[in-house]
Amino acid sequence: QRKHGVVIDGDILRSLAAFLSRMHWRSHFMQKLESEPIMEKRDVCQAYQHLRRQPHDWNEGHYQAWSTGNTGYPFVDACMRCLLTHGWLNF
């Protein structure tokens, strides 16, 4: 495709579309949190409310395992190790 005399590669267009989609979702959730600030403290689906932290349920060992990518859950560990190595996740 040609724009202003410059050929634009299909990969670039897909990357730009993906970026634009992420910006739309980011804006959507920012607006959602502004209009319903209770979402920060309560779950939208009450069936999951029990999964939130409760008083006195802190486990330092679990936190250390998670923060270093050593939980034993491969996907969680891979994500945390990527975050530790690169400083961000691409999803």
Protein backbone atom coordinates (compact mmCIF):
# COMPACT_ATOMS: atom_id res chain seq x y z
CA GLN A 1 0.00 0.00 0.00
CA ARG A 2 1.25 3.50 -0.81
CA LYS A 3 0.72 6.57 1.41
CA HIS A 4 2.22 9.96 0.55
CA GLY A 5 4.64 8.32 -1.85
CA VAL A 6 5.84 5.80 0.77
CA VAL A 7 5.19 2.08 0.48
CA ILE A 8 3.69 0.74 3.71
CA ASP A 9 4.43 -2.90 4.47
CA GLY A 10 1.57 -5.21 5.54
CA ASP A 11 3.43 -6.11 8.75
CA ILE A 12 3.57 -2.45 9.71
CA LEU A 13 -0.16 -2.06 9.10
CA ARG A 14 -0.90 -5.08 11.29
CA SER A 15 1.38 -3.74 14.02
CA LEU A 16 -0.32 -0.35 13.89
CA ALA A 17 -3.76 -1.98 13.99
CA ALA A 18 -2.73 -4.05 17.03
CA PHE A 19 -1.37 -0.94 18.76
CA LEU A 20 -4.56 1.00 18.02
CA SER A 21 -6.65 -1.87 19.38
CA ARG A 22 -4.65 -1.86 22.62
CA MET A 23 -5.12 1.89 22.95
CA HIS A 24 -8.88 1.48 22.51
CA TRP A 25 -9.02 -1.21 25.21
CA ARG A 26 -6.82 0.90 27.51
CA SER A 27 -9.18 3.85 27.09
CA HIS A 28 -12.20 1.61 27.60
CA PHE A 29 -10.94 0.31 30.93
CA MET A 30 -9.81 3.74 32.11
CA GLN A 31 -13.30 5.05 31.43
CA LYS A 32 -14.87 2.00 33.08
CA LEU A 33 -12.81 2.53 36.25
CA GLU A 34 -13.68 6.23 36.31
CA SER A 35 -17.39 5.52 35.98
CA GLU A 36 -17.37 2.59 38.44
CA PRO A 37 -14.50 3.16 40.90
CA ILE A 38 -15.81 0.41 43.19
CA MET A 39 -14.33 -2.04 40.66
CA GLU A 40 -10.99 -1.43 42.34
CA LYS A 41 -12.30 -2.96 45.58
CA ARG A 42 -15.10 -5.28 44.46
CA ASP A 43 -15.33 -7.78 41.61
CA VAL A 44 -17.77 -7.16 38.78
CA CYS A 45 -18.73 -10.82 39.01
CA GLN A 46 -19.41 -11.47 42.71
CA ALA A 47 -18.69 -15.18 42.27
CA TYR A 48 -14.97 -14.30 42.24
CA GLN A 49 -14.97 -11.97 45.24
CA HIS A 50 -13.70 -14.73 47.54
CA LEU A 51 -10.45 -14.87 45.53
CA ARG A 52 -9.40 -11.41 46.66
CA ARG A 53 -6.89 -11.12 49.48
CA GLN A 54 -8.27 -11.43 52.95
CA PRO A 55 -6.77 -10.04 56.16
CA HIS A 56 -3.82 -12.08 57.42
CA ASP A 57 -3.51 -14.30 54.32
CA TRP A 58 -0.07 -13.03 53.25
CA ASN A 59 2.45 -15.78 52.47
CA GLU A 60 5.98 -14.46 52.00
CA GLY A 61 7.17 -17.74 50.44
CA HIS A 62 4.49 -17.59 47.77
CA TYR A 63 5.34 -13.97 47.08
CA GLN A 64 9.05 -14.73 46.71
CA ALA A 65 8.31 -17.66 44.39
CA TRP A 66 6.03 -15.50 42.24
CA SER A 67 8.34 -12.48 42.17
CA THR A 68 11.31 -14.58 41.03
CA GLY A 69 9.41 -16.78 38.54
CA ASN A 70 9.60 -19.98 40.59
CA THR A 71 5.98 -20.89 41.33
CA GLY A 72 6.00 -24.21 39.49
CA TYR A 73 3.35 -22.93 37.07
CA PRO A 74 5.21 -22.72 33.74
CA PHE A 75 3.15 -19.92 32.17
CA VAL A 76 3.28 -17.75 35.30
CA ASP A 77 7.00 -18.38 35.72
CA ALA A 78 7.77 -17.65 32.06
CA CYS A 79 5.85 -14.36 32.23
CA MET A 80 7.59 -13.25 35.41
CA ARG A 81 11.03 -14.19 34.08
CA CYS A 82 10.30 -12.26 30.88
CA LEU A 83 9.19 -9.27 32.95
CA LEU A 84 12.31 -9.46 35.10
CA THR A 85 14.58 -9.75 32.04
CA HIS A 86 12.96 -7.24 29.70
CA GLY A 87 10.91 -5.01 31.99
CA TRP A 88 7.62 -5.57 30.16
CA LEU A 89 5.27 -8.17 28.69
CA ASN A 90 3.96 -8.01 25.15
CA PHE A 91 0.31 -8.91 25.71
